[in-house]
Amino acid sequence: MSQSTVQFLLALLGITGTLAAAITTQVLQRRAERDRREADDARRWHADRFRASKDLLYKVMETERILWSACAMLPNTEERGRLRSAGHTSLTVVQGTDVPTDTGDIHIFDAVSLEIVKEALERAFALLEEAEHLVAEISILSEEAVPAAAKSLFEAAWEATGAVETTAGTTDEAFDAVLAMKDPLAAFEQCVRVELGVTKATTPRRPPPSQP
């Protein structure tokens, strides 16, 4: 092999190596950029999920607190019966003139009690309207168990608010409906913790095999 051929081959190898290095560098840069964008997207989705879930949790917990306070001011069974006989199916439409004036007796559903309950219901319905938008947002941002848990939580809050609002049923039933919000709250919080990586999903342990 002549010296010129050797020089040509060495030059060709050098060019090939340089070109390969340039291509490899470009491929690695593109891969790094893709990974960076994916990581940025993951962080953004993580932040959006956290915000939406946190806001929903806060609004439902605030609704729960408001409803608990309102339950203490609800009419008793006899007072509910009088309101229904007058054609009132919802406390939100009852007028102050339809109930006794303030007598100072905490056992009587009077105009002050009515005003407190109506104000509480107004705030609860406003919070639930905002919560409904968050449930829709979570159904887009999240997947698997979280949207279902969010919907169950909203439905429990809505049912509790309705139980406080209606003149039907009893005050104990209204208390029970508000109390029933506890489990959906805990379930939603746990699902969000798993989705955000705060805690790991747990599977129930199988019971040990019975001994013969």
N, C-alpha and C. Protein backbone atom coordinates (compact mmCIF):
# COMPACT_ATOMS: atom_id res chain seq x y z
N MET A 1 0.85 -1.19 0.00
CA MET A 1 0.00 0.00 0.00
C MET A 1 0.88 1.23 0.00
N SER A 2 0.62 2.11 -0.93
CA SER A 2 1.47 3.30 -1.05
C SER A 2 1.24 4.25 0.10
N GLN A 3 2.23 5.14 0.27
CA GLN A 3 2.15 6.12 1.35
C GLN A 3 0.97 7.06 1.16
N SER A 4 0.67 7.42 -0.09
CA SER A 4 -0.45 8.32 -0.36
C SER A 4 -1.79 7.67 0.00
N THR A 5 -1.88 6.35 -0.26
CA THR A 5 -3.10 5.62 0.09
C THR A 5 -3.30 5.59 1.59
N VAL A 6 -2.19 5.34 2.31
CA VAL A 6 -2.26 5.32 3.77
C VAL A 6 -2.70 6.67 4.31
N GLN A 7 -2.12 7.73 3.76
CA GLN A 7 -2.48 9.07 4.20
C GLN A 7 -3.95 9.37 3.91
N PHE A 8 -4.41 8.88 2.75
CA PHE A 8 -5.81 9.10 2.38
C PHE A 8 -6.74 8.38 3.36
N LEU A 9 -6.38 7.11 3.68
CA LEU A 9 -7.21 6.34 4.61
C LEU A 9 -7.22 6.96 6.00
N LEU A 10 -6.05 7.44 6.44
CA LEU A 10 -5.98 8.09 7.75
C LEU A 10 -6.84 9.36 7.77
N ALA A 11 -6.78 10.12 6.69
CA ALA A 11 -7.58 11.34 6.61
C ALA A 11 -9.07 11.00 6.59
N LEU A 12 -9.41 9.90 5.85
CA LEU A 12 -10.80 9.49 5.80
C LEU A 12 -11.30 9.05 7.16
N LEU A 13 -10.43 8.30 7.88
CA LEU A 13 -10.81 7.88 9.24
C LEU A 13 -11.00 9.08 10.15
N GLY A 14 -10.14 10.07 10.00
CA GLY A 14 -10.27 11.27 10.82
C GLY A 14 -11.57 12.01 10.55
N ILE A 15 -11.89 12.13 9.25
CA ILE A 15 -13.14 12.81 8.89
C ILE A 15 -14.35 12.02 9.39
N THR A 16 -14.28 10.69 9.20
CA THR A 16 -15.39 9.84 9.66
C THR A 16 -15.57 9.94 11.17
N GLY A 17 -14.45 9.93 11.90
CA GLY A 17 -14.54 10.04 13.35
C GLY A 17 -15.11 11.37 13.80
N THR A 18 -14.65 12.43 13.12
CA THR A 18 -15.16 13.77 13.46
C THR A 18 -16.65 13.86 13.19
N LEU A 19 -17.07 13.30 12.01
CA LEU A 19 -18.48 13.33 11.65
C LEU A 19 -19.32 12.50 12.62
N ALA A 20 -18.78 11.33 12.98
CA ALA A 20 -19.50 10.47 13.93
C ALA A 20 -19.64 11.15 15.28
N ALA A 21 -18.55 11.81 15.70
CA ALA A 21 -18.60 12.53 16.98
C ALA A 21 -19.62 13.65 16.94
N ALA A 22 -19.67 14.36 15.81
CA ALA A 22 -20.63 15.46 15.68
C ALA A 22 -22.07 14.94 15.70
N ILE A 23 -22.28 13.82 14.98
CA ILE A 23 -23.63 13.24 14.96
C ILE A 23 -24.02 12.75 16.35
N THR A 24 -23.07 12.08 17.00
CA THR A 24 -23.35 11.57 18.36
C THR A 24 -23.66 12.71 19.32
N THR A 25 -22.87 13.77 19.21
CA THR A 25 -23.10 14.93 20.07
C THR A 25 -24.48 15.53 19.84
N GLN A 26 -24.87 15.63 18.56
CA GLN A 26 -26.18 16.20 18.22
C GLN A 26 -27.30 15.32 18.74
N VAL A 27 -27.13 13.99 18.59
CA VAL A 27 -28.15 13.06 19.08
C VAL A 27 -28.29 13.17 20.59
N LEU A 28 -27.14 13.21 21.29
CA LEU A 28 -27.17 13.32 22.74
C LEU A 28 -27.78 14.63 23.20
N GLN A 29 -27.49 15.71 22.47
CA GLN A 29 -28.07 17.00 22.82
C GLN A 29 -29.58 16.99 22.65
N ARG A 30 -30.03 16.39 21.54
CA ARG A 30 -31.47 16.31 21.31
C ARG A 30 -32.15 15.46 22.38
N ARG A 31 -31.49 14.36 22.75
CA ARG A 31 -32.06 13.49 23.79
C ARG A 31 -32.09 14.23 25.12
N ALA A 32 -31.04 14.96 25.42
CA ALA A 32 -31.00 15.72 26.67
C ALA A 32 -32.07 16.80 26.69
N GLU A 33 -32.29 17.44 25.54
CA GLU A 33 -33.33 18.47 25.45
C GLU A 33 -34.72 17.86 25.61
N ARG A 34 -34.90 16.67 25.01
CA ARG A 34 -36.19 15.99 25.14
C ARG A 34 -36.43 15.59 26.59
N ASP A 35 -35.39 15.06 27.23
CA ASP A 35 -35.52 14.67 28.64
C ASP A 35 -35.81 15.88 29.52
N ARG A 36 -35.16 17.01 29.18
CA ARG A 36 -35.37 18.22 29.97
C ARG A 36 -36.81 18.70 29.83
N ARG A 37 -37.32 18.66 28.58
CA ARG A 37 -38.71 19.09 28.37
C ARG A 37 -39.68 18.17 29.07
N GLU A 38 -39.42 16.86 29.02
CA GLU A 38 -40.29 15.91 29.70
C GLU A 38 -40.27 16.14 31.20
N ALA A 39 -39.07 16.42 31.74
CA ALA A 39 -38.96 16.69 33.17
C ALA A 39 -39.70 17.98 33.54
N ASP A 40 -39.58 19.00 32.68
CA ASP A 40 -40.30 20.26 32.93
C ASP A 40 -41.80 20.03 32.89
N ASP A 41 -42.27 19.23 31.91
CA ASP A 41 -43.69 18.92 31.82
C ASP A 41 -44.17 18.17 33.06
N ALA A 42 -43.35 17.20 33.49
CA ALA A 42 -43.72 16.42 34.68
C ALA A 42 -43.83 17.31 35.91
N ARG A 43 -42.88 18.24 36.06
CA ARG A 43 -42.93 19.15 37.20
C ARG A 43 -44.16 20.06 37.11
N ARG A 44 -44.47 20.50 35.90
CA ARG A 44 -45.64 21.38 35.73
C ARG A 44 -46.93 20.64 36.03
N TRP A 45 -47.06 19.40 35.49
CA TRP A 45 -48.26 18.63 35.79
C TRP A 45 -48.35 18.33 37.27
N HIS A 46 -47.22 18.04 37.89
CA HIS A 46 -47.19 17.76 39.32
C HIS A 46 -47.68 18.98 40.10
N ALA A 47 -47.19 20.16 39.73
CA ALA A 47 -47.60 21.39 40.41
C ALA A 47 -49.08 21.68 40.18
N ASP A 48 -49.57 21.46 38.96
CA ASP A 48 -50.97 21.71 38.66
C ASP A 48 -51.87 20.75 39.43
N ARG A 49 -51.47 19.48 39.50
CA ARG A 49 -52.27 18.50 40.24
C ARG A 49 -52.31 18.84 41.72
N PHE A 50 -51.16 19.23 42.25
CA PHE A 50 -51.11 19.60 43.67
C PHE A 50 -52.03 20.79 43.94
N ARG A 51 -51.96 21.80 43.09
CA ARG A 51 -52.78 23.01 43.30
C ARG A 51 -54.27 22.68 43.25
N ALA A 52 -54.70 21.96 42.21
CA ALA A 52 -56.11 21.66 42.06
C ALA A 52 -56.62 20.79 43.21
N SER A 53 -55.85 19.80 43.59
CA SER A 53 -56.27 18.91 44.67
C SER A 53 -56.30 19.64 46.01
N LYS A 54 -55.30 20.48 46.23
CA LYS A 54 -55.25 21.25 47.48
C LYS A 54 -56.45 22.19 47.58
N ASP A 55 -56.76 22.86 46.48
CA ASP A 55 -57.88 23.80 46.48
C ASP A 55 -59.20 23.08 46.71
N LEU A 56 -59.38 21.92 46.08
CA LEU A 56 -60.62 21.16 46.29
C LEU A 56 -60.72 20.71 47.74
N LEU A 57 -59.63 20.20 48.27
CA LEU A 57 -59.63 19.72 49.65
C LEU A 57 -59.97 20.86 50.61
N TYR A 58 -59.39 22.02 50.38
CA TYR A 58 -59.65 23.17 51.26
C TYR A 58 -61.12 23.58 51.19
N LYS A 59 -61.67 23.69 49.98
CA LYS A 59 -63.05 24.17 49.83
C LYS A 59 -64.05 23.20 50.44
N VAL A 60 -63.80 21.90 50.30
CA VAL A 60 -64.72 20.93 50.90
C VAL A 60 -64.57 20.91 52.42
N MET A 61 -63.36 21.03 52.93
CA MET A 61 -63.17 21.08 54.38
C MET A 61 -63.80 22.33 54.97
N GLU A 62 -63.72 23.44 54.26
CA GLU A 62 -64.37 24.67 54.70
C GLU A 62 -65.88 24.51 54.67
N THR A 63 -66.40 23.84 53.64
CA THR A 63 -67.83 23.56 53.57
C THR A 63 -68.26 22.70 54.75
N GLU A 64 -67.46 21.69 55.06
CA GLU A 64 -67.77 20.82 56.19
C GLU A 64 -67.84 21.62 57.49
N ARG A 65 -66.90 22.50 57.71
CA ARG A 65 -66.87 23.31 58.93
C ARG A 65 -68.10 24.20 59.02
N ILE A 66 -68.47 24.82 57.90
CA ILE A 66 -69.64 25.70 57.88
C ILE A 66 -70.92 24.91 58.18
N LEU A 67 -71.03 23.73 57.60
CA LEU A 67 -72.23 22.92 57.80
C LEU A 67 -72.35 22.42 59.23
N TRP A 68 -71.22 22.08 59.84
CA TRP A 68 -71.25 21.66 61.25
C TRP A 68 -71.83 22.77 62.12
N SER A 69 -71.39 24.00 61.88
CA SER A 69 -71.88 25.13 62.66
C SER A 69 -73.37 25.35 62.40
N ALA A 70 -73.79 25.19 61.14
CA ALA A 70 -75.19 25.40 60.80
C ALA A 70 -76.09 24.36 61.44
N CYS A 71 -75.60 23.14 61.58
CA CYS A 71 -76.42 22.07 62.15
C CYS A 71 -76.88 22.41 63.57
N ALA A 72 -76.06 23.13 64.29
CA ALA A 72 -76.41 23.48 65.67
C ALA A 72 -77.58 24.45 65.74
N MET A 73 -77.91 25.09 64.61
CA MET A 73 -78.97 26.10 64.58
C MET A 73 -80.23 25.61 63.86
N LEU A 74 -80.28 24.35 63.47
CA LEU A 74 -81.40 23.85 62.67
C LEU A 74 -82.66 23.68 63.51
N PRO A 75 -83.83 23.72 62.89
CA PRO A 75 -85.09 23.54 63.62
C PRO A 75 -85.26 22.10 64.09
N ASN A 76 -86.03 21.94 65.14
CA ASN A 76 -86.31 20.59 65.62
C ASN A 76 -87.42 19.97 64.78
N THR A 77 -87.81 18.74 65.14
CA THR A 77 -88.79 18.01 64.34
C THR A 77 -90.12 18.75 64.25
N GLU A 78 -90.59 19.28 65.37
CA GLU A 78 -91.87 19.99 65.38
C GLU A 78 -91.80 21.26 64.53
N GLU A 79 -90.70 21.98 64.64
CA GLU A 79 -90.53 23.21 63.86
C GLU A 79 -90.42 22.91 62.37
N ARG A 80 -89.76 21.83 62.04
CA ARG A 80 -89.69 21.41 60.63
C ARG A 80 -91.09 21.12 60.09
N GLY A 81 -91.89 20.45 60.89
CA GLY A 81 -93.24 20.13 60.48
C GLY A 81 -94.07 21.38 60.19
N ARG A 82 -93.92 22.40 61.02
CA ARG A 82 -94.66 23.64 60.80
C ARG A 82 -94.21 24.33 59.51
N LEU A 83 -92.90 24.30 59.26
CA LEU A 83 -92.39 24.92 58.03
C LEU A 83 -92.89 24.18 56.79
N ARG A 84 -92.91 22.86 56.85
CA ARG A 84 -93.42 22.09 55.71
C ARG A 84 -94.91 22.34 55.49
N SER A 85 -95.64 22.45 56.61
CA SER A 85 -97.09 22.71 56.49
C SER A 85 -97.35 24.05 55.83
N ALA A 86 -96.41 24.99 56.02
CA ALA A 86 -96.55 26.31 55.40
C ALA A 86 -96.06 26.31 53.95
N GLY A 87 -95.62 25.14 53.46
CA GLY A 87 -95.20 25.03 52.06
C GLY A 87 -93.73 25.30 51.83
N HIS A 88 -92.94 25.33 52.89
CA HIS A 88 -91.50 25.61 52.75
C HIS A 88 -90.73 24.28 52.70
N THR A 89 -90.11 24.01 51.58
CA THR A 89 -89.32 22.78 51.45
C THR A 89 -87.82 23.03 51.63
N SER A 90 -87.42 24.30 51.59
CA SER A 90 -86.00 24.65 51.73
C SER A 90 -85.87 25.83 52.68
N LEU A 91 -84.88 25.75 53.55
CA LEU A 91 -84.66 26.85 54.50
C LEU A 91 -84.19 28.12 53.80
N THR A 92 -83.67 27.98 52.60
CA THR A 92 -83.16 29.16 51.90
C THR A 92 -84.27 30.09 51.45
N VAL A 93 -85.50 29.58 51.36
CA VAL A 93 -86.62 30.43 50.91
C VAL A 93 -87.54 30.84 52.06
N VAL A 94 -87.23 30.37 53.26
CA VAL A 94 -88.03 30.77 54.41
C VAL A 94 -87.72 32.22 54.76
N GLN A 95 -88.75 32.99 55.05
CA GLN A 95 -88.59 34.39 55.41
C GLN A 95 -88.55 34.55 56.94
N GLY A 96 -87.95 35.64 57.37
CA GLY A 96 -87.88 35.89 58.80
C GLY A 96 -89.23 36.01 59.45
N THR A 97 -90.23 36.43 58.69
CA THR A 97 -91.58 36.57 59.23
C THR A 97 -92.28 35.22 59.40
N ASP A 98 -91.68 34.15 58.84
CA ASP A 98 -92.29 32.82 58.93
C ASP A 98 -91.89 32.07 60.20
N VAL A 99 -90.97 32.64 60.96
CA VAL A 99 -90.49 32.00 62.19
C VAL A 99 -90.58 33.00 63.34
N PRO A 100 -90.52 32.53 64.58
CA PRO A 100 -90.60 33.45 65.72
C PRO A 100 -89.44 34.44 65.74
N THR A 101 -89.65 35.58 66.34
CA THR A 101 -88.55 36.53 66.53
C THR A 101 -87.61 36.01 67.60
N ASP A 102 -86.45 36.63 67.71
CA ASP A 102 -85.45 36.20 68.67
C ASP A 102 -85.98 36.33 70.09
N THR A 103 -86.00 35.18 70.78
CA THR A 103 -86.48 35.18 72.17
C THR A 103 -85.35 34.94 73.16
N GLY A 104 -84.18 34.66 72.65
CA GLY A 104 -83.07 34.36 73.53
C GLY A 104 -83.01 32.90 73.94
N ASP A 105 -84.00 32.13 73.55
CA ASP A 105 -84.05 30.71 73.88
C ASP A 105 -83.35 29.93 72.78
N ILE A 106 -82.26 29.24 73.13
CA ILE A 106 -81.46 28.54 72.12
C ILE A 106 -82.18 27.31 71.58
N HIS A 107 -83.27 26.91 72.23
CA HIS A 107 -84.00 25.73 71.78
C HIS A 107 -85.09 26.07 70.78
N ILE A 108 -85.23 27.34 70.44
CA ILE A 108 -86.26 27.77 69.51
C ILE A 108 -85.60 28.22 68.21
N PHE A 109 -86.14 27.72 67.10
CA PHE A 109 -85.66 28.14 65.79
C PHE A 109 -86.32 29.47 65.46
N ASP A 110 -85.58 30.54 65.66
CA ASP A 110 -86.14 31.87 65.48
C ASP A 110 -85.51 32.57 64.28
N ALA A 111 -85.78 33.86 64.14
CA ALA A 111 -85.29 34.62 62.99
C ALA A 111 -83.76 34.68 62.95
N VAL A 112 -83.13 34.74 64.12
CA VAL A 112 -81.67 34.78 64.17
C VAL A 112 -81.09 33.44 63.70
N SER A 113 -81.68 32.35 64.18
CA SER A 113 -81.22 31.02 63.75
C SER A 113 -81.36 30.87 62.24
N LEU A 114 -82.50 31.33 61.73
CA LEU A 114 -82.75 31.25 60.29
C LEU A 114 -81.69 32.03 59.51
N GLU A 115 -81.37 33.22 59.96
CA GLU A 115 -80.39 34.04 59.26
C GLU A 115 -79.02 33.37 59.26
N ILE A 116 -78.66 32.77 60.38
CA ILE A 116 -77.36 32.09 60.48
C ILE A 116 -77.31 30.91 59.51
N VAL A 117 -78.37 30.12 59.48
CA VAL A 117 -78.41 28.95 58.60
C VAL A 117 -78.39 29.37 57.13
N LYS A 118 -79.17 30.38 56.78
CA LYS A 118 -79.22 30.84 55.39
C LYS A 118 -77.86 31.38 54.94
N GLU A 119 -77.19 32.11 55.81
CA GLU A 119 -75.86 32.62 55.48
C GLU A 119 -74.87 31.47 55.28
N ALA A 120 -74.96 30.46 56.16
CA ALA A 120 -74.08 29.30 56.05
C ALA A 120 -74.32 28.56 54.73
N LEU A 121 -75.57 28.38 54.37
CA LEU A 121 -75.90 27.69 53.13
C LEU A 121 -75.42 28.47 51.91
N GLU A 122 -75.56 29.78 51.96
CA GLU A 122 -75.08 30.61 50.85
C GLU A 122 -73.58 30.45 50.65
N ARG A 123 -72.84 30.44 51.74
CA ARG A 123 -71.39 30.25 51.65
C ARG A 123 -71.05 28.84 51.19
N ALA A 124 -71.79 27.85 51.68
CA ALA A 124 -71.52 26.46 51.29
C ALA A 124 -71.77 26.25 49.80
N PHE A 125 -72.88 26.78 49.29
CA PHE A 125 -73.18 26.62 47.86
C PHE A 125 -72.15 27.33 46.99
N ALA A 126 -71.67 28.48 47.46
CA ALA A 126 -70.64 29.20 46.70
C ALA A 126 -69.35 28.39 46.64
N LEU A 127 -68.97 27.78 47.76
CA LEU A 127 -67.77 26.95 47.80
C LEU A 127 -67.93 25.72 46.91
N LEU A 128 -69.11 25.13 46.91
CA LEU A 128 -69.33 23.94 46.09
C LEU A 128 -69.34 24.26 44.61
N GLU A 129 -69.77 25.44 44.25
CA GLU A 129 -69.71 25.84 42.84
C GLU A 129 -68.25 25.90 42.38
N GLU A 130 -67.38 26.45 43.23
CA GLU A 130 -65.96 26.48 42.90
C GLU A 130 -65.37 25.08 42.92
N ALA A 131 -65.83 24.27 43.86
CA ALA A 131 -65.33 22.90 43.97
C ALA A 131 -65.68 22.08 42.74
N GLU A 132 -66.85 22.32 42.17
CA GLU A 132 -67.27 21.57 40.98
C GLU A 132 -66.33 21.84 39.80
N HIS A 133 -65.88 23.08 39.66
CA HIS A 133 -64.92 23.41 38.61
C HIS A 133 -63.59 22.68 38.86
N LEU A 134 -63.19 22.57 40.12
CA LEU A 134 -61.94 21.88 40.45
C LEU A 134 -62.04 20.39 40.17
N VAL A 135 -63.21 19.80 40.42
CA VAL A 135 -63.41 18.39 40.12
C VAL A 135 -63.24 18.14 38.62
N ALA A 136 -63.78 19.05 37.80
CA ALA A 136 -63.62 18.92 36.35
C ALA A 136 -62.15 19.07 35.96
N GLU A 137 -61.45 19.99 36.60
CA GLU A 137 -60.03 20.19 36.30
C GLU A 137 -59.21 18.95 36.68
N ILE A 138 -59.53 18.39 37.83
CA ILE A 138 -58.81 17.20 38.29
C ILE A 138 -59.07 16.02 37.35
N SER A 139 -60.27 15.93 36.80
CA SER A 139 -60.58 14.83 35.88
C SER A 139 -59.73 14.90 34.62
N ILE A 140 -59.22 16.10 34.29
CA ILE A 140 -58.34 16.27 33.14
C ILE A 140 -56.88 16.07 33.53
N LEU A 141 -56.49 16.61 34.67
CA LEU A 141 -55.09 16.59 35.08
C LEU A 141 -54.66 15.23 35.61
N SER A 142 -55.57 14.52 36.28
CA SER A 142 -55.20 13.28 36.96
C SER A 142 -55.82 12.08 36.26
N GLU A 143 -55.48 10.92 36.77
CA GLU A 143 -56.00 9.70 36.19
C GLU A 143 -56.20 8.67 37.29
N GLU A 144 -56.79 7.55 36.88
CA GLU A 144 -57.04 6.43 37.76
C GLU A 144 -57.94 6.81 38.93
N ALA A 145 -57.47 6.65 40.17
CA ALA A 145 -58.36 6.76 41.33
C ALA A 145 -58.69 8.19 41.72
N VAL A 146 -57.83 9.14 41.39
CA VAL A 146 -58.01 10.50 41.90
C VAL A 146 -59.29 11.17 41.40
N PRO A 147 -59.59 11.17 40.09
CA PRO A 147 -60.85 11.79 39.65
C PRO A 147 -62.08 11.16 40.29
N ALA A 148 -62.08 9.83 40.44
CA ALA A 148 -63.22 9.15 41.06
C ALA A 148 -63.36 9.58 42.52
N ALA A 149 -62.23 9.69 43.22
CA ALA A 149 -62.27 10.11 44.62
C ALA A 149 -62.73 11.56 44.74
N ALA A 150 -62.31 12.40 43.80
CA ALA A 150 -62.74 13.80 43.81
C ALA A 150 -64.24 13.91 43.59
N LYS A 151 -64.77 13.12 42.68
CA LYS A 151 -66.21 13.15 42.40
C LYS A 151 -66.99 12.66 43.62
N SER A 152 -66.52 11.60 44.25
CA SER A 152 -67.20 11.08 45.44
C SER A 152 -67.19 12.11 46.57
N LEU A 153 -66.07 12.81 46.70
CA LEU A 153 -65.97 13.84 47.73
C LEU A 153 -66.95 14.97 47.47
N PHE A 154 -67.03 15.41 46.23
CA PHE A 154 -67.96 16.49 45.89
C PHE A 154 -69.40 16.06 46.13
N GLU A 155 -69.74 14.83 45.74
CA GLU A 155 -71.11 14.35 45.92
C GLU A 155 -71.48 14.27 47.39
N ALA A 156 -70.53 13.86 48.24
CA ALA A 156 -70.79 13.79 49.68
C ALA A 156 -71.03 15.19 50.24
N ALA A 157 -70.24 16.15 49.79
CA ALA A 157 -70.41 17.53 50.26
C ALA A 157 -71.74 18.10 49.79
N TRP A 158 -72.12 17.79 48.56
CA TRP A 158 -73.38 18.28 48.02
C TRP A 158 -74.57 17.68 48.78
N GLU A 159 -74.51 16.38 49.06
CA GLU A 159 -75.58 15.72 49.80
C GLU A 159 -75.69 16.28 51.22
N ALA A 160 -74.55 16.57 51.84
CA ALA A 160 -74.57 17.13 53.20
C ALA A 160 -75.20 18.52 53.19
N THR A 161 -74.87 19.32 52.20
CA THR A 161 -75.45 20.66 52.11
C THR A 161 -76.95 20.57 51.88
N GLY A 162 -77.36 19.65 51.05
CA GLY A 162 -78.80 19.46 50.82
C GLY A 162 -79.53 19.00 52.07
N ALA A 163 -78.87 18.16 52.87
CA ALA A 163 -79.49 17.68 54.10
C ALA A 163 -79.67 18.81 55.11
N VAL A 164 -78.77 19.76 55.11
CA VAL A 164 -78.91 20.92 55.99
C VAL A 164 -79.96 21.88 55.45
N GLU A 165 -80.07 21.99 54.16
CA GLU A 165 -80.99 22.95 53.54
C GLU A 165 -82.45 22.54 53.66
N THR A 166 -82.75 21.26 53.54
CA THR A 166 -84.14 20.82 53.44
C THR A 166 -84.87 20.92 54.77
N THR A 167 -86.19 21.11 54.68
CA THR A 167 -87.02 21.08 55.87
C THR A 167 -87.52 19.66 56.15
N ALA A 168 -87.24 18.74 55.24
CA ALA A 168 -87.61 17.34 55.43
C ALA A 168 -86.59 16.65 56.34
N GLY A 169 -86.90 15.44 56.75
CA GLY A 169 -85.95 14.70 57.56
C GLY A 169 -85.82 15.27 58.96
N THR A 170 -84.69 14.98 59.59
CA THR A 170 -84.44 15.43 60.96
C THR A 170 -83.08 16.10 61.04
N THR A 171 -82.85 16.79 62.14
CA THR A 171 -81.54 17.40 62.36
C THR A 171 -80.46 16.34 62.52
N ASP A 172 -80.82 15.21 63.14
CA ASP A 172 -79.85 14.12 63.28
C ASP A 172 -79.41 13.60 61.91
N GLU A 173 -80.33 13.55 60.96
CA GLU A 173 -79.97 13.11 59.62
C GLU A 173 -79.04 14.11 58.95
N ALA A 174 -79.23 15.40 59.24
CA ALA A 174 -78.32 16.41 58.70
C ALA A 174 -76.93 16.25 59.29
N PHE A 175 -76.86 16.01 60.60
CA PHE A 175 -75.58 15.76 61.25
C PHE A 175 -74.90 14.54 60.63
N ASP A 176 -75.67 13.48 60.41
CA ASP A 176 -75.11 12.24 59.84
C ASP A 176 -74.56 12.49 58.44
N ALA A 177 -75.26 13.32 57.65
CA ALA A 177 -74.81 13.60 56.28
C ALA A 177 -73.49 14.37 56.29
N VAL A 178 -73.36 15.30 57.23
CA VAL A 178 -72.09 16.05 57.33
C VAL A 178 -70.99 15.12 57.83
N LEU A 179 -71.33 14.27 58.79
CA LEU A 179 -70.35 13.30 59.30
C LEU A 179 -69.89 12.35 58.20
N ALA A 180 -70.77 12.05 57.25
CA ALA A 180 -70.44 11.12 56.16
C ALA A 180 -69.41 11.70 55.20
N MET A 181 -69.06 12.97 55.34
CA MET A 181 -68.03 13.56 54.49
C MET A 181 -66.63 13.12 54.90
N LYS A 182 -66.48 12.60 56.11
CA LYS A 182 -65.16 12.26 56.64
C LYS A 182 -64.44 11.22 55.79
N ASP A 183 -65.11 10.14 55.47
CA ASP A 183 -64.46 9.06 54.72
C ASP A 183 -64.06 9.50 53.31
N PRO A 184 -64.95 10.16 52.54
CA PRO A 184 -64.53 10.64 51.22
C PRO A 184 -63.37 11.63 51.29
N LEU A 185 -63.34 12.46 52.33
CA LEU A 185 -62.21 13.38 52.50
C LEU A 185 -60.91 12.61 52.68
N ALA A 186 -60.93 11.61 53.56
CA ALA A 186 -59.73 10.82 53.82
C ALA A 186 -59.32 10.03 52.58
N ALA A 187 -60.30 9.49 51.85
CA ALA A 187 -60.00 8.69 50.65
C ALA A 187 -59.37 9.56 49.57
N PHE A 188 -59.92 10.75 49.37
CA PHE A 188 -59.36 11.65 48.36
C PHE A 188 -57.95 12.07 48.73
N GLU A 189 -57.75 12.43 49.98
CA GLU A 189 -56.42 12.85 50.42
C GLU A 189 -55.39 11.74 50.20
N GLN A 190 -55.77 10.50 50.50
CA GLN A 190 -54.85 9.38 50.33
C GLN A 190 -54.53 9.16 48.86
N CYS A 191 -55.54 9.24 47.98
CA CYS A 191 -55.30 9.06 46.54
C CYS A 191 -54.35 10.12 46.01
N VAL A 192 -54.52 11.35 46.45
CA VAL A 192 -53.65 12.44 45.99
C VAL A 192 -52.23 12.23 46.49
N ARG A 193 -52.09 11.78 47.73
CA ARG A 193 -50.75 11.53 48.27
C ARG A 193 -50.01 10.48 47.44
N VAL A 194 -50.74 9.46 47.04
CA VAL A 194 -50.12 8.41 46.22
C VAL A 194 -49.74 8.96 44.85
N GLU A 195 -50.65 9.72 44.24
CA GLU A 195 -50.39 10.26 42.90
C GLU A 195 -49.19 11.21 42.91
N LEU A 196 -49.07 12.01 43.95
CA LEU A 196 -47.98 12.98 44.02
C LEU A 196 -46.69 12.37 44.56
N GLY A 197 -46.74 11.09 44.92
CA GLY A 197 -45.53 10.42 45.39
C GLY A 197 -45.19 10.69 46.84
N VAL A 198 -46.15 11.24 47.59
CA VAL A 198 -45.90 11.50 49.01
C VAL A 198 -45.89 10.20 49.80
N THR A 199 -46.84 9.32 49.46
CA THR A 199 -46.89 7.99 50.06
C THR A 199 -47.06 6.97 48.96
N LYS A 200 -46.74 5.74 49.25
CA LYS A 200 -46.88 4.66 48.29
C LYS A 200 -48.23 4.00 48.46
N ALA A 201 -48.71 3.47 47.35
CA ALA A 201 -49.99 2.76 47.39
C ALA A 201 -49.82 1.50 48.22
N THR A 202 -50.79 1.21 49.02
CA THR A 202 -50.74 0.02 49.86
C THR A 202 -51.77 -0.97 49.38
N THR A 203 -51.41 -2.24 49.44
CA THR A 203 -52.34 -3.30 49.07
C THR A 203 -52.66 -4.09 50.33
N PRO A 204 -53.90 -4.47 50.47
CA PRO A 204 -54.27 -5.22 51.68
C PRO A 204 -53.52 -6.54 51.76
N ARG A 205 -53.08 -6.87 52.96
CA ARG A 205 -52.36 -8.13 53.17
C ARG A 205 -53.31 -9.32 53.12
N ARG A 206 -52.83 -10.37 52.50
CA ARG A 206 -53.64 -11.58 52.48
C ARG A 206 -53.54 -12.27 53.82
N PRO A 207 -54.66 -12.81 54.28
CA PRO A 207 -54.60 -13.54 55.57
C PRO A 207 -53.77 -14.81 55.42
N PRO A 208 -53.07 -15.19 56.47
CA PRO A 208 -52.25 -16.41 56.39
C PRO A 208 -53.13 -17.62 56.15
N PRO A 209 -52.60 -18.62 55.43
CA PRO A 209 -53.42 -19.82 55.17
C PRO A 209 -53.77 -20.51 56.46
N SER A 210 -54.99 -20.99 56.50
CA SER A 210 -55.45 -21.68 57.72
C SER A 210 -54.72 -23.00 57.88
N GLN A 211 -54.43 -23.33 59.11
CA GLN A 211 -53.73 -24.58 59.40
C GLN A 211 -54.73 -25.73 59.46
N PRO A 212 -54.35 -26.82 58.88
CA PRO A 212 -55.26 -27.98 58.91
C PRO A 212 -55.45 -28.48 60.34
